[in-house]
């Protein structure tokens, strides 16, 4: 009811043209697919979707990995830091995006105030095409950070203490122990996060809706936001072409998931 039927209905709608209220009218076969792929902005749509997803994934996974490795030692206040770093997992994407809207606000935003205290001037975070992509990616990464931190912290604690002691006896310092002993052992968890965070990034919507509304000039419009524009964001909904984007996204996510299982199996074997 909640998975198979909606997917089947989406595939069906993708083969029909829509009237002014979104109802399917006539069967066009692959006409909507051809129109979507040959549209002038389709290539940019694909690139923006992938760039935002990969930037968010890399920033979230890398910073969470560094935090998890640093907090494996008995630092003062480690428990407090564990709680603080886990907090983003409890936030919704909308509330996280609202916070970043304040951080990136022109002139009065926190980042502009910090740069201004050093005599520097920040870019138009949400008005410049390149800066806006980074702004959306940073908001996405912060939203994904909490989950990544929890997964990697569990992976660090699952490493047998004997392995760390053996590395230290062989003369490995803290940095070498972290990146030459712990990281290779944590590879399955890192791979899991790489794939799942990429999938989450491909489905980014709230961050774009609240921060940039797909702008400036479509610079932050990804698959999901364009789907929303076609289906609900205009006065004449086009459920046919919106369903095409949904089908493409389903295929892309399914392909990445299949790749995850393949790579995860290799990592487990290694």
C-alpha atoms as a PDB file:
ATOM      1  CA  UNK A   1       0.000   0.000   0.000  1.00  0.00           C
ATOM      2  CA  UNK A   2       2.701   2.464   0.945  1.00  0.00           C
ATOM      3  CA  UNK A   3       5.552   1.317  -1.319  1.00  0.00           C
ATOM      4  CA  UNK A   4       4.611  -0.933  -4.223  1.00  0.00           C
ATOM      5  CA  UNK A   5       1.416   0.861  -5.275  1.00  0.00           C
ATOM      6  CA  UNK A   6       2.916   4.400  -5.199  1.00  0.00           C
ATOM      7  CA  UNK A   7       5.925   3.247  -7.234  1.00  0.00           C
ATOM      8  CA  UNK A   8       3.681   1.468  -9.745  1.00  0.00           C
ATOM      9  CA  UNK A   9       1.423   4.530  -9.991  1.00  0.00           C
ATOM     10  CA  UNK A  10       4.450   6.783 -10.532  1.00  0.00           C
ATOM     11  CA  UNK A  11       5.692   4.590 -13.364  1.00  0.00           C
ATOM     12  CA  UNK A  12       2.216   4.642 -14.893  1.00  0.00           C
ATOM     13  CA  UNK A  13       1.891   8.430 -14.667  1.00  0.00           C
ATOM     14  CA  UNK A  14       5.305   8.889 -16.272  1.00  0.00           C
ATOM     15  CA  UNK A  15       3.838   7.590 -19.537  1.00  0.00           C
ATOM     16  CA  UNK A  16       0.934  10.054 -19.678  1.00  0.00           C
ATOM     17  CA  UNK A  17       0.535  13.718 -20.503  1.00  0.00           C
ATOM     18  CA  UNK A  18      -1.243  15.849 -17.879  1.00  0.00           C
ATOM     19  CA  UNK A  19      -4.049  18.381 -18.164  1.00  0.00           C
ATOM     20  CA  UNK A  20      -4.064  21.763 -16.403  1.00  0.00           C
ATOM     21  CA  UNK A  21      -5.021  20.186 -13.064  1.00  0.00           C
ATOM     22  CA  UNK A  22      -2.548  17.306 -13.290  1.00  0.00           C
ATOM     23  CA  UNK A  23      -4.879  14.503 -14.364  1.00  0.00           C
ATOM     24  CA  UNK A  24      -3.463  12.037 -16.923  1.00  0.00           C
ATOM     25  CA  UNK A  25      -5.004  12.628 -20.350  1.00  0.00           C
ATOM     26  CA  UNK A  26      -3.330  10.674 -23.142  1.00  0.00           C
ATOM     27  CA  UNK A  27      -0.672   8.004 -23.291  1.00  0.00           C
ATOM     28  CA  UNK A  28       2.633   9.315 -24.673  1.00  0.00           C
ATOM     29  CA  UNK A  29       4.861   6.325 -23.934  1.00  0.00           C
ATOM     30  CA  UNK A  30       8.458   7.436 -23.552  1.00  0.00           C
ATOM     31  CA  UNK A  31       7.626  10.933 -24.783  1.00  0.00           C
ATOM     32  CA  UNK A  32       7.951  12.440 -21.303  1.00  0.00           C
ATOM     33  CA  UNK A  33      11.321  10.735 -20.842  1.00  0.00           C
ATOM     34  CA  UNK A  34      12.627  12.049 -24.156  1.00  0.00           C
ATOM     35  CA  UNK A  35      11.347  15.548 -23.383  1.00  0.00           C
ATOM     36  CA  UNK A  36      12.937  15.496 -19.924  1.00  0.00           C
ATOM     37  CA  UNK A  37      16.341  14.219 -21.050  1.00  0.00           C
ATOM     38  CA  UNK A  38      16.549  16.587 -24.034  1.00  0.00           C
ATOM     39  CA  UNK A  39      15.440  19.661 -22.051  1.00  0.00           C
ATOM     40  CA  UNK A  40      18.140  22.400 -21.954  1.00  0.00           C
ATOM     41  CA  UNK A  41      18.695  22.275 -18.200  1.00  0.00           C
ATOM     42  CA  UNK A  42      18.702  18.489 -17.681  1.00  0.00           C
ATOM     43  CA  UNK A  43      22.501  18.118 -17.695  1.00  0.00           C
ATOM     44  CA  UNK A  44      22.858  20.876 -15.137  1.00  0.00           C
ATOM     45  CA  UNK A  45      20.117  19.258 -13.044  1.00  0.00           C
ATOM     46  CA  UNK A  46      22.071  15.990 -12.905  1.00  0.00           C
ATOM     47  CA  UNK A  47      25.365  17.722 -12.085  1.00  0.00           C
ATOM     48  CA  UNK A  48      23.852  19.850  -9.301  1.00  0.00           C
ATOM     49  CA  UNK A  49      22.147  16.801  -7.764  1.00  0.00           C
ATOM     50  CA  UNK A  50      25.383  14.809  -7.721  1.00  0.00           C
ATOM     51  CA  UNK A  51      27.575  17.697  -6.528  1.00  0.00           C
ATOM     52  CA  UNK A  52      25.316  18.556  -3.577  1.00  0.00           C
ATOM     53  CA  UNK A  53      25.016  14.881  -2.617  1.00  0.00           C
ATOM     54  CA  UNK A  54      28.769  14.206  -2.788  1.00  0.00           C
ATOM     55  CA  UNK A  55      29.780  17.419  -1.024  1.00  0.00           C
ATOM     56  CA  UNK A  56      27.335  16.781   1.814  1.00  0.00           C
ATOM     57  CA  UNK A  57      28.440  13.148   2.089  1.00  0.00           C
ATOM     58  CA  UNK A  58      32.150  13.990   2.169  1.00  0.00           C
ATOM     59  CA  UNK A  59      31.833  16.834   4.678  1.00  0.00           C
ATOM     60  CA  UNK A  60      29.576  14.824   7.022  1.00  0.00           C
ATOM     61  CA  UNK A  61      31.552  11.575   6.867  1.00  0.00           C
ATOM     62  CA  UNK A  62      35.019  13.130   7.109  1.00  0.00           C
ATOM     63  CA  UNK A  63      34.207  15.459  10.022  1.00  0.00           C
ATOM     64  CA  UNK A  64      32.337  12.678  11.855  1.00  0.00           C
ATOM     65  CA  UNK A  65      35.305  10.332  11.346  1.00  0.00           C
ATOM     66  CA  UNK A  66      37.726  12.900  12.768  1.00  0.00           C
ATOM     67  CA  UNK A  67      35.446  13.551  15.762  1.00  0.00           C
ATOM     68  CA  UNK A  68      34.971   9.835  16.465  1.00  0.00           C
ATOM     69  CA  UNK A  69      38.735   9.207  16.322  1.00  0.00           C
ATOM     70  CA  UNK A  70      39.518  12.157  18.592  1.00  0.00           C
ATOM     71  CA  UNK A  71      36.948  11.121  21.182  1.00  0.00           C
ATOM     72  CA  UNK A  72      38.198   7.521  21.410  1.00  0.00           C
ATOM     73  CA  UNK A  73      40.742   8.693  23.992  1.00  0.00           C
ATOM     74  CA  UNK A  74      39.783   9.590  27.541  1.00  0.00           C
ATOM     75  CA  UNK A  75      39.433  13.333  27.061  1.00  0.00           C
ATOM     76  CA  UNK A  76      37.987  15.576  29.740  1.00  0.00           C
ATOM     77  CA  UNK A  77      34.290  16.060  28.998  1.00  0.00           C
ATOM     78  CA  UNK A  78      34.191  13.286  26.383  1.00  0.00           C
ATOM     79  CA  UNK A  79      30.650  12.301  27.368  1.00  0.00           C
ATOM     80  CA  UNK A  80      29.430  15.863  26.885  1.00  0.00           C
ATOM     81  CA  UNK A  81      31.032  16.080  23.457  1.00  0.00           C
ATOM     82  CA  UNK A  82      29.459  12.751  22.480  1.00  0.00           C
ATOM     83  CA  UNK A  83      26.039  14.158  23.296  1.00  0.00           C
ATOM     84  CA  UNK A  84      26.672  17.450  21.497  1.00  0.00           C
ATOM     85  CA  UNK A  85      27.975  15.758  18.341  1.00  0.00           C
ATOM     86  CA  UNK A  86      24.986  13.414  18.302  1.00  0.00           C
ATOM     87  CA  UNK A  87      22.415  16.227  18.534  1.00  0.00           C
ATOM     88  CA  UNK A  88      22.072  16.901  14.772  1.00  0.00           C
ATOM     89  CA  UNK A  89      20.578  13.407  14.439  1.00  0.00           C
ATOM     90  CA  UNK A  90      17.596  14.600  16.513  1.00  0.00           C
ATOM     91  CA  UNK A  91      16.875  17.630  14.315  1.00  0.00           C
ATOM     92  CA  UNK A  92      14.627  17.685  11.289  1.00  0.00           C
ATOM     93  CA  UNK A  93      15.987  18.865   7.951  1.00  0.00           C
ATOM     94  CA  UNK A  94      13.644  21.864   8.066  1.00  0.00           C
ATOM     95  CA  UNK A  95      14.786  23.058  11.506  1.00  0.00           C
ATOM     96  CA  UNK A  96      18.446  22.555  10.594  1.00  0.00           C
ATOM     97  CA  UNK A  97      17.935  24.547   7.396  1.00  0.00           C
ATOM     98  CA  UNK A  98      16.251  27.359   9.324  1.00  0.00           C
ATOM     99  CA  UNK A  99      19.340  27.607  11.542  1.00  0.00           C
ATOM    100  CA  UNK A 100      21.618  27.811   8.505  1.00  0.00           C
ATOM    101  CA  UNK A 101      19.372  30.456   6.948  1.00  0.00           C
ATOM    102  CA  UNK A 102      20.311  32.630   9.916  1.00  0.00           C
ATOM    103  CA  UNK A 103      23.996  31.751   9.609  1.00  0.00           C
ATOM    104  CA  UNK A 104      24.078  32.707   5.923  1.00  0.00           C
ATOM    105  CA  UNK A 105      21.828  35.771   6.119  1.00  0.00           C
ATOM    106  CA  UNK A 106      23.363  38.742   4.222  1.00  0.00           C
ATOM    107  CA  UNK A 107      25.214  41.304   6.382  1.00  0.00           C
ATOM    108  CA  UNK A 108      23.691  40.158   9.694  1.00  0.00           C
ATOM    109  CA  UNK A 109      24.469  36.432   9.420  1.00  0.00           C
ATOM    110  CA  UNK A 110      26.920  34.799  11.804  1.00  0.00           C
ATOM    111  CA  UNK A 111      29.473  34.004   9.092  1.00  0.00           C
ATOM    112  CA  UNK A 112      29.477  37.595   7.813  1.00  0.00           C
ATOM    113  CA  UNK A 113      29.852  38.916  11.357  1.00  0.00           C
ATOM    114  CA  UNK A 114      32.807  36.597  12.016  1.00  0.00           C
ATOM    115  CA  UNK A 115      34.521  37.543   8.760  1.00  0.00           C
ATOM    116  CA  UNK A 116      33.774  41.208   9.397  1.00  0.00           C
ATOM    117  CA  UNK A 117      35.544  41.047  12.766  1.00  0.00           C
ATOM    118  CA  UNK A 118      38.707  40.139  10.821  1.00  0.00           C
ATOM    119  CA  UNK A 119      38.159  42.865   8.255  1.00  0.00           C
ATOM    120  CA  UNK A 120      37.074  40.418   5.550  1.00  0.00           C
ATOM    121  CA  UNK A 121      33.910  40.363   3.525  1.00  0.00           C
ATOM    122  CA  UNK A 122      32.094  37.123   2.791  1.00  0.00           C
ATOM    123  CA  UNK A 123      30.399  36.250  -0.502  1.00  0.00           C
ATOM    124  CA  UNK A 124      26.696  36.483  -1.087  1.00  0.00           C
ATOM    125  CA  UNK A 125      26.182  33.064   0.469  1.00  0.00           C
ATOM    126  CA  UNK A 126      22.715  32.438  -0.927  1.00  0.00           C
ATOM    127  CA  UNK A 127      22.858  34.758  -3.948  1.00  0.00           C
ATOM    128  CA  UNK A 128      26.071  33.589  -5.614  1.00  0.00           C
ATOM    129  CA  UNK A 129      25.671  30.340  -7.622  1.00  0.00           C
ATOM    130  CA  UNK A 130      28.842  28.674  -6.316  1.00  0.00           C
ATOM    131  CA  UNK A 131      28.477  29.884  -2.731  1.00  0.00           C
ATOM    132  CA  UNK A 132      24.829  28.771  -2.679  1.00  0.00           C
ATOM    133  CA  UNK A 133      25.806  25.203  -3.628  1.00  0.00           C
ATOM    134  CA  UNK A 134      28.284  25.134  -0.740  1.00  0.00           C
ATOM    135  CA  UNK A 135      25.682  26.613   1.607  1.00  0.00           C
ATOM    136  CA  UNK A 136      23.179  23.874   0.774  1.00  0.00           C
ATOM    137  CA  UNK A 137      25.907  21.214   1.020  1.00  0.00           C
ATOM    138  CA  UNK A 138      27.005  22.502   4.438  1.00  0.00           C
ATOM    139  CA  UNK A 139      23.433  22.469   5.749  1.00  0.00           C
ATOM    140  CA  UNK A 140      23.012  18.929   4.401  1.00  0.00           C
ATOM    141  CA  UNK A 141      26.313  17.813   5.941  1.00  0.00           C
ATOM    142  CA  UNK A 142      25.405  19.198   9.362  1.00  0.00           C
ATOM    143  CA  UNK A 143      22.050  17.433   9.200  1.00  0.00           C
ATOM    144  CA  UNK A 144      23.801  14.131   8.270  1.00  0.00           C
ATOM    145  CA  UNK A 145      26.666  14.567  10.753  1.00  0.00           C
ATOM    146  CA  UNK A 146      24.852  13.235  13.842  1.00  0.00           C
ATOM    147  CA  UNK A 147      23.982   9.880  12.273  1.00  0.00           C
ATOM    148  CA  UNK A 148      27.474   9.509  10.814  1.00  0.00           C
ATOM    149  CA  UNK A 149      29.036  10.275  14.204  1.00  0.00           C
ATOM    150  CA  UNK A 150      26.927   7.642  15.965  1.00  0.00           C
ATOM    151  CA  UNK A 151      27.805   4.966  13.393  1.00  0.00           C
ATOM    152  CA  UNK A 152      31.536   5.716  13.437  1.00  0.00           C
ATOM    153  CA  UNK A 153      31.690   6.004  17.221  1.00  0.00           C
ATOM    154  CA  UNK A 154      30.166   2.537  17.472  1.00  0.00           C
ATOM    155  CA  UNK A 155      32.704   1.282  14.907  1.00  0.00           C
ATOM    156  CA  UNK A 156      35.629   2.740  16.886  1.00  0.00           C
ATOM    157  CA  UNK A 157      34.448   1.183  20.131  1.00  0.00           C
ATOM    158  CA  UNK A 158      34.014  -2.196  18.436  1.00  0.00           C
ATOM    159  CA  UNK A 159      37.766  -2.394  17.676  1.00  0.00           C
ATOM    160  CA  UNK A 160      39.460  -4.814  20.056  1.00  0.00           C
ATOM    161  CA  UNK A 161      41.765  -3.009  22.530  1.00  0.00           C
ATOM    162  CA  UNK A 162      44.427  -5.653  21.874  1.00  0.00           C
ATOM    163  CA  UNK A 163      44.812  -4.403  18.293  1.00  0.00           C
ATOM    164  CA  UNK A 164      45.441  -0.832  19.458  1.00  0.00           C
ATOM    165  CA  UNK A 165      47.873  -2.008  22.141  1.00  0.00           C
ATOM    166  CA  UNK A 166      49.789  -4.065  19.568  1.00  0.00           C
ATOM    167  CA  UNK A 167      50.092  -1.037  17.276  1.00  0.00           C
ATOM    168  CA  UNK A 168      51.337   1.113  20.136  1.00  0.00           C
ATOM    169  CA  UNK A 169      53.908  -1.535  21.108  1.00  0.00           C
ATOM    170  CA  UNK A 170      55.166  -1.444  17.511  1.00  0.00           C
ATOM    171  CA  UNK A 171      55.803   2.285  17.925  1.00  0.00           C
ATOM    172  CA  UNK A 172      52.709   3.694  16.218  1.00  0.00           C
ATOM    173  CA  UNK A 173      51.710   7.120  17.514  1.00  0.00           C
ATOM    174  CA  UNK A 174      48.213   8.461  17.855  1.00  0.00           C
ATOM    175  CA  UNK A 175      47.934   9.642  14.245  1.00  0.00           C
ATOM    176  CA  UNK A 176      49.300   6.421  12.741  1.00  0.00           C
ATOM    177  CA  UNK A 177      47.141   4.296  15.014  1.00  0.00           C
ATOM    178  CA  UNK A 178      44.055   6.220  13.937  1.00  0.00           C
ATOM    179  CA  UNK A 179      44.590   6.297  10.180  1.00  0.00           C
ATOM    180  CA  UNK A 180      46.682   3.159   9.590  1.00  0.00           C
ATOM    181  CA  UNK A 181      45.014   0.790  12.069  1.00  0.00           C
ATOM    182  CA  UNK A 182      41.537   2.019  13.012  1.00  0.00           C
ATOM    183  CA  UNK A 183      40.388   3.465   9.674  1.00  0.00           C
ATOM    184  CA  UNK A 184      41.111   0.266   7.672  1.00  0.00           C
ATOM    185  CA  UNK A 185      39.195  -1.777  10.263  1.00  0.00           C
ATOM    186  CA  UNK A 186      36.307   0.711  10.103  1.00  0.00           C
ATOM    187  CA  UNK A 187      36.168   0.555   6.308  1.00  0.00           C
ATOM    188  CA  UNK A 188      32.803  -1.293   6.150  1.00  0.00           C
ATOM    189  CA  UNK A 189      31.175   1.379   8.335  1.00  0.00           C
ATOM    190  CA  UNK A 190      32.748   4.184   6.311  1.00  0.00           C
ATOM    191  CA  UNK A 191      31.560   2.551   3.102  1.00  0.00           C
ATOM    192  CA  UNK A 192      28.064   2.164   4.539  1.00  0.00           C
ATOM    193  CA  UNK A 193      27.972   5.871   5.402  1.00  0.00           C
ATOM    194  CA  UNK A 194      29.411   6.890   2.043  1.00  0.00           C
ATOM    195  CA  UNK A 195      26.560   5.190   0.221  1.00  0.00           C
ATOM    196  CA  UNK A 196      23.696   6.026   2.587  1.00  0.00           C
ATOM    197  CA  UNK A 197      24.744   9.664   2.940  1.00  0.00           C
ATOM    198  CA  UNK A 198      25.000   9.982  -0.844  1.00  0.00           C
ATOM    199  CA  UNK A 199      21.463   8.633  -1.186  1.00  0.00           C
ATOM    200  CA  UNK A 200      20.261  11.062   1.490  1.00  0.00           C
ATOM    201  CA  UNK A 201      22.003  13.902  -0.353  1.00  0.00           C
ATOM    202  CA  UNK A 202      20.286  12.985  -3.621  1.00  0.00           C
ATOM    203  CA  UNK A 203      16.948  13.380  -1.818  1.00  0.00           C
ATOM    204  CA  UNK A 204      17.768  16.843  -0.428  1.00  0.00           C
ATOM    205  CA  UNK A 205      14.713  19.089  -0.477  1.00  0.00           C
ATOM    206  CA  UNK A 206      14.080  21.055   2.731  1.00  0.00           C
ATOM    207  CA  UNK A 207      17.531  22.667   2.657  1.00  0.00           C
ATOM    208  CA  UNK A 208      16.977  23.942  -0.881  1.00  0.00           C
ATOM    209  CA  UNK A 209      13.395  25.031  -0.255  1.00  0.00           C
ATOM    210  CA  UNK A 210      14.292  27.060   2.846  1.00  0.00           C
ATOM    211  CA  UNK A 211      17.711  28.414   1.848  1.00  0.00           C
ATOM    212  CA  UNK A 212      17.618  29.126  -1.889  1.00  0.00           C
ATOM    213  CA  UNK A 213      14.341  27.885  -3.466  1.00  0.00           C
ATOM    214  CA  UNK A 214      16.468  26.358  -6.209  1.00  0.00           C
ATOM    215  CA  UNK A 215      18.264  29.586  -7.037  1.00  0.00           C
ATOM    216  CA  UNK A 216      20.057  31.631  -7.910  1.00  0.00           C
ATOM    217  CA  UNK A 217      19.203  30.900 -11.515  1.00  0.00           C
ATOM    218  CA  UNK A 218      18.649  27.197 -10.876  1.00  0.00           C
ATOM    219  CA  UNK A 219      22.136  26.742  -9.404  1.00  0.00           C
ATOM    220  CA  UNK A 220      20.810  24.624  -6.504  1.00  0.00           C
ATOM    221  CA  UNK A 221      17.880  22.912  -8.236  1.00  0.00           C
ATOM    222  CA  UNK A 222      18.311  19.156  -7.908  1.00  0.00           C
ATOM    223  CA  UNK A 223      16.123  16.207  -8.955  1.00  0.00           C
ATOM    224  CA  UNK A 224      13.799  16.348  -5.961  1.00  0.00           C
ATOM    225  CA  UNK A 225      13.305  20.106  -6.036  1.00  0.00           C
ATOM    226  CA  UNK A 226      12.635  20.093  -9.781  1.00  0.00           C
ATOM    227  CA  UNK A 227      10.144  17.263  -9.234  1.00  0.00           C
ATOM    228  CA  UNK A 228       8.407  19.418  -6.617  1.00  0.00           C
ATOM    229  CA  UNK A 229       8.316  22.391  -8.988  1.00  0.00           C
ATOM    230  CA  UNK A 230       6.734  20.348 -11.767  1.00  0.00           C
ATOM    231  CA  UNK A 231       4.182  18.602  -9.564  1.00  0.00           C
ATOM    232  CA  UNK A 232       3.262  21.218  -6.949  1.00  0.00           C
ATOM    233  CA  UNK A 233       5.264  24.416  -7.411  1.00  0.00           C
ATOM    234  CA  UNK A 234       3.324  25.938 -10.294  1.00  0.00           C
ATOM    235  CA  UNK A 235      -0.280  26.646 -11.170  1.00  0.00           C
ATOM    236  CA  UNK A 236      -0.410  23.857 -13.753  1.00  0.00           C
ATOM    237  CA  UNK A 237       0.948  20.616 -12.245  1.00  0.00           C
ATOM    238  CA  UNK A 238       2.707  18.285 -14.653  1.00  0.00           C
ATOM    239  CA  UNK A 239       2.587  14.935 -12.889  1.00  0.00           C
ATOM    240  CA  UNK A 240       3.790  13.138 -16.019  1.00  0.00           C
ATOM    241  CA  UNK A 241       7.191  14.835 -16.241  1.00  0.00           C
ATOM    242  CA  UNK A 242       7.468  14.947 -12.439  1.00  0.00           C
ATOM    243  CA  UNK A 243       6.946  11.179 -12.363  1.00  0.00           C
ATOM    244  CA  UNK A 244       9.737  10.772 -14.916  1.00  0.00           C
ATOM    245  CA  UNK A 245      12.162  12.458 -12.512  1.00  0.00           C
ATOM    246  CA  UNK A 246      10.863  10.270  -9.684  1.00  0.00           C
ATOM    247  CA  UNK A 247      11.457   7.112 -11.731  1.00  0.00           C
ATOM    248  CA  UNK A 248      14.967   8.272 -12.640  1.00  0.00           C
ATOM    249  CA  UNK A 249      15.705   8.947  -8.980  1.00  0.00           C
ATOM    250  CA  UNK A 250      14.389   5.500  -7.989  1.00  0.00           C
ATOM    251  CA  UNK A 251      16.653   3.856 -10.572  1.00  0.00           C
ATOM    252  CA  UNK A 252      19.654   5.925  -9.432  1.00  0.00           C
ATOM    253  CA  UNK A 253      19.095   5.103  -5.740  1.00  0.00           C
ATOM    254  CA  UNK A 254      18.547   1.415  -6.534  1.00  0.00           C
ATOM    255  CA  UNK A 255      21.796   1.353  -8.512  1.00  0.00           C
ATOM    256  CA  UNK A 256      23.745   2.989  -5.669  1.00  0.00           C
ATOM    257  CA  UNK A 257      22.212   0.555  -3.168  1.00  0.00           C
ATOM    258  CA  UNK A 258      23.219  -2.421  -5.330  1.00  0.00           C
ATOM    259  CA  UNK A 259      26.737  -0.967  -5.576  1.00  0.00           C
ATOM    260  CA  UNK A 260      26.781  -0.623  -1.782  1.00  0.00           C
ATOM    261  CA  UNK A 261      26.104  -4.332  -1.260  1.00  0.00           C
ATOM    262  CA  UNK A 262      28.771  -5.242  -3.816  1.00  0.00           C
ATOM    263  CA  UNK A 263      31.441  -3.001  -2.275  1.00  0.00           C
ATOM    264  CA  UNK A 264      30.403  -3.898   1.268  1.00  0.00           C
ATOM    265  CA  UNK A 265      30.884  -7.577   0.448  1.00  0.00           C
ATOM    266  CA  UNK A 266      34.384  -6.863  -0.871  1.00  0.00           C
ATOM    267  CA  UNK A 267      35.232  -4.820   2.235  1.00  0.00           C
ATOM    268  CA  UNK A 268      34.029  -7.622   4.490  1.00  0.00           C
ATOM    269  CA  UNK A 269      36.144 -10.123   2.548  1.00  0.00           C
ATOM    270  CA  UNK A 270      39.195  -7.860   2.780  1.00  0.00           C
END
